[in-house]
Amino acid sequence: MSIIISVLVTALIIPLVLYLVQKLPIDLTMKQMAQIVVVVVGIILLLSSLDVF
């Protein structure tokens, strides 16, 4: 049950953080790099919550 909750929380937090990155007043390239970092960290968190790592 805790695996499902952690996956759902991660799946809800990642789009929220991506939305907040879009609202930042920085260059387009910096936004894209921040989005890539958020997606990579999100994938790592999802895989670790599924006990792949």
C-alpha atoms as a PDB file:
ATOM      1  CA  MET A   1       0.000   0.000   0.000  1.00  0.00           C
ATOM      2  CA  SER A   2       2.823   2.406   0.791  1.00  0.00           C
ATOM      3  CA  ILE A   3       4.309   1.796  -2.650  1.00  0.00           C
ATOM      4  CA  ILE A   4       1.103   2.991  -4.294  1.00  0.00           C
ATOM      5  CA  ILE A   5       0.986   6.082  -2.093  1.00  0.00           C
ATOM      6  CA  SER A   6       4.606   6.985  -2.790  1.00  0.00           C
ATOM      7  CA  VAL A   7       4.100   6.546  -6.541  1.00  0.00           C
ATOM      8  CA  LEU A   8       0.964   8.707  -6.461  1.00  0.00           C
ATOM      9  CA  VAL A   9       2.633  11.434  -4.414  1.00  0.00           C
ATOM     10  CA  THR A  10       5.627  11.470  -6.751  1.00  0.00           C
ATOM     11  CA  ALA A  11       3.364  11.495  -9.798  1.00  0.00           C
ATOM     12  CA  LEU A  12       1.510  14.504  -8.390  1.00  0.00           C
ATOM     13  CA  ILE A  13       4.569  16.445  -7.241  1.00  0.00           C
ATOM     14  CA  ILE A  14       6.526  16.198 -10.520  1.00  0.00           C
ATOM     15  CA  PRO A  15       3.935  18.085 -12.646  1.00  0.00           C
ATOM     16  CA  LEU A  16       3.567  20.678  -9.903  1.00  0.00           C
ATOM     17  CA  VAL A  17       7.308  21.331  -9.849  1.00  0.00           C
ATOM     18  CA  LEU A  18       7.393  21.436 -13.661  1.00  0.00           C
ATOM     19  CA  TYR A  19       4.599  24.025 -13.605  1.00  0.00           C
ATOM     20  CA  LEU A  20       6.471  26.114 -11.051  1.00  0.00           C
ATOM     21  CA  VAL A  21       9.645  25.938 -13.168  1.00  0.00           C
ATOM     22  CA  GLN A  22       7.648  27.312 -16.108  1.00  0.00           C
ATOM     23  CA  LYS A  23       6.643  30.319 -13.998  1.00  0.00           C
ATOM     24  CA  LEU A  24      10.242  31.246 -13.113  1.00  0.00           C
ATOM     25  CA  PRO A  25      11.516  34.462 -14.740  1.00  0.00           C
ATOM     26  CA  ILE A  26      14.709  32.949 -16.196  1.00  0.00           C
ATOM     27  CA  ASP A  27      16.103  32.217 -19.647  1.00  0.00           C
ATOM     28  CA  LEU A  28      14.514  29.577 -21.833  1.00  0.00           C
ATOM     29  CA  THR A  29      17.640  27.419 -21.796  1.00  0.00           C
ATOM     30  CA  MET A  30      17.780  27.500 -18.005  1.00  0.00           C
ATOM     31  CA  LYS A  31      14.104  26.522 -17.851  1.00  0.00           C
ATOM     32  CA  GLN A  32      14.737  23.592 -20.160  1.00  0.00           C
ATOM     33  CA  MET A  33      17.703  22.427 -18.089  1.00  0.00           C
ATOM     34  CA  ALA A  34      15.649  22.729 -14.902  1.00  0.00           C
ATOM     35  CA  GLN A  35      12.833  20.725 -16.492  1.00  0.00           C
ATOM     36  CA  ILE A  36      15.281  17.996 -17.509  1.00  0.00           C
ATOM     37  CA  VAL A  37      16.654  17.843 -13.966  1.00  0.00           C
ATOM     38  CA  VAL A  38      13.128  17.620 -12.506  1.00  0.00           C
ATOM     39  CA  VAL A  39      12.140  14.827 -14.895  1.00  0.00           C
ATOM     40  CA  VAL A  40      15.324  12.838 -14.228  1.00  0.00           C
ATOM     41  CA  VAL A  41      14.962  13.206 -10.464  1.00  0.00           C
ATOM     42  CA  GLY A  42      11.288  12.229 -10.741  1.00  0.00           C
ATOM     43  CA  ILE A  43      12.118   9.103 -12.716  1.00  0.00           C
ATOM     44  CA  ILE A  44      14.782   8.158 -10.183  1.00  0.00           C
ATOM     45  CA  LEU A  45      12.319   8.680  -7.316  1.00  0.00           C
ATOM     46  CA  LEU A  46       9.674   6.569  -9.052  1.00  0.00           C
ATOM     47  CA  LEU A  47      12.136   3.769  -9.732  1.00  0.00           C
ATOM     48  CA  SER A  48      13.445   3.835  -6.183  1.00  0.00           C
ATOM     49  CA  SER A  49       9.924   3.722  -4.756  1.00  0.00           C
ATOM     50  CA  LEU A  50       9.273   0.660  -6.918  1.00  0.00           C
ATOM     51  CA  ASP A  51      12.461  -0.933  -5.478  1.00  0.00           C
ATOM     52  CA  VAL A  52      14.249  -1.082  -8.810  1.00  0.00           C
ATOM     53  CA  PHE A  53      17.364   0.474  -7.292  1.00  0.00           C
END
